[in-house]
Amino acid sequence: MLTKLIVGLAIAMLMLANAAARGPWRASESNTRGWQLMSPEERIEHQSRIRSFSRLEECRTYQLSHHQLMEERARQRGLALPAGRRDICGHLRPAEAVPGK
């Protein structure tokens, strides 16, 4: 009985931790450069990493590293890697001053 309670609590804690890592951004083929070159596990990890950033510099460093890795994989397979369409770190930029204020 106690074991079931402990297991249940552990599962609940994992679910809460996972929910805390969620955010509005969801990685997909349409917004992730190199999506087709990533394993399902890498896609989940990528999405989690992007959601975890709170500083623009950290996000940009990861983004550059990710793009280099995807470019290398594409080159090894003789594929053309499409250009990125969205700035995944843009939400971390400081708010710009509104003109006239």
Protein backbone atom coordinates (compact mmCIF):
# COMPACT_ATOMS: atom_id res chain seq x y z
CA MET A 1 0.00 0.00 0.00
CA LEU A 2 2.74 2.45 0.95
CA THR A 3 4.73 1.45 -2.16
CA LYS A 4 1.75 2.27 -4.39
CA LEU A 5 1.40 5.65 -2.71
CA ILE A 6 5.09 6.45 -3.18
CA VAL A 7 4.99 5.36 -6.83
CA GLY A 8 1.86 7.43 -7.38
CA LEU A 9 3.45 10.50 -5.84
CA ALA A 10 6.61 10.02 -7.90
CA ILE A 11 4.55 9.82 -11.10
CA ALA A 12 2.58 12.91 -10.13
CA MET A 13 5.81 14.83 -9.46
CA LEU A 14 7.22 13.83 -12.84
CA MET A 15 4.03 14.94 -14.56
CA LEU A 16 4.15 18.30 -12.79
CA ALA A 17 7.79 18.79 -13.69
CA ASN A 18 7.02 17.98 -17.32
CA ALA A 19 4.06 20.38 -17.32
CA ALA A 20 6.28 23.14 -15.93
CA ALA A 21 8.65 22.75 -18.90
CA ARG A 22 5.81 23.21 -21.35
CA GLY A 23 5.24 26.52 -23.01
CA PRO A 24 3.44 28.03 -25.93
CA TRP A 25 6.14 27.13 -28.45
CA ARG A 26 5.93 23.68 -29.98
CA ALA A 27 8.65 22.32 -32.23
CA SER A 28 7.43 21.05 -35.58
CA GLU A 29 8.57 20.47 -39.13
CA SER A 30 7.37 23.94 -40.06
CA ASN A 31 9.43 25.81 -37.45
CA THR A 32 12.48 23.66 -36.69
CA ARG A 33 15.45 23.73 -39.00
CA GLY A 34 16.63 20.16 -39.63
CA TRP A 35 13.47 18.53 -38.22
CA GLN A 36 13.68 15.74 -40.79
CA LEU A 37 17.25 15.00 -39.67
CA MET A 38 16.36 14.62 -35.98
CA SER A 39 15.21 11.52 -34.12
CA PRO A 40 11.92 11.72 -32.18
CA GLU A 41 13.95 11.89 -28.96
CA GLU A 42 16.06 14.75 -30.30
CA ARG A 43 12.92 16.65 -31.30
CA ILE A 44 11.52 16.38 -27.77
CA GLU A 45 14.85 17.43 -26.24
CA HIS A 46 15.14 20.35 -28.69
CA GLN A 47 11.68 21.62 -27.79
CA SER A 48 12.41 21.29 -24.09
CA ARG A 49 15.72 23.15 -24.43
CA ILE A 50 14.16 26.02 -26.37
CA ARG A 51 11.44 26.39 -23.77
CA SER A 52 13.95 26.40 -20.92
CA PHE A 53 15.94 29.46 -21.98
CA SER A 54 15.48 32.69 -20.07
CA ARG A 55 18.42 34.59 -21.58
CA LEU A 56 18.79 35.58 -25.22
CA GLU A 57 22.52 34.81 -25.29
CA GLU A 58 21.99 31.21 -24.10
CA CYS A 59 19.27 30.67 -26.67
CA ARG A 60 21.37 32.11 -29.52
CA THR A 61 24.35 29.92 -28.56
CA TYR A 62 22.18 26.82 -28.59
CA GLN A 63 20.49 27.89 -31.84
CA LEU A 64 23.84 28.32 -33.58
CA SER A 65 25.07 24.95 -32.33
CA HIS A 66 21.84 23.25 -33.43
CA HIS A 67 22.00 24.83 -36.89
CA GLN A 68 25.62 23.76 -37.34
CA LEU A 69 24.76 20.19 -36.36
CA MET A 70 21.80 20.08 -38.76
CA GLU A 71 23.90 21.58 -41.58
CA GLU A 72 26.54 18.89 -41.05
CA ARG A 73 23.92 16.11 -41.08
CA ALA A 74 22.39 17.52 -44.26
CA ARG A 75 25.81 17.76 -45.90
CA GLN A 76 26.61 14.13 -44.97
CA ARG A 77 23.36 13.00 -46.57
CA GLY A 78 23.66 15.24 -49.61
CA LEU A 79 20.54 17.19 -48.71
CA ALA A 80 19.77 20.88 -48.91
CA LEU A 81 18.74 22.32 -45.56
CA PRO A 82 15.99 24.92 -45.88
CA ALA A 83 16.59 28.32 -44.29
CA GLY A 84 14.99 28.99 -40.95
CA ARG A 85 11.65 30.74 -41.06
CA ARG A 86 11.19 31.83 -37.46
CA ASP A 87 13.39 33.37 -34.81
CA ILE A 88 13.02 30.86 -31.98
CA CYS A 89 14.87 33.17 -29.60
CA GLY A 90 12.97 36.33 -30.51
CA HIS A 91 10.71 36.18 -27.48
CA LEU A 92 13.78 36.70 -25.27
CA ARG A 93 14.76 40.02 -26.82
CA PRO A 94 14.33 42.99 -24.49
CA ALA A 95 11.25 45.05 -25.19
CA GLU A 96 12.10 47.98 -27.41
CA ALA A 97 11.19 51.48 -26.33
CA VAL A 98 7.97 52.68 -27.85
CA PRO A 99 8.58 55.79 -30.01
CA GLY A 100 7.13 58.96 -28.57
CA LYS A 101 7.25 57.88 -24.93
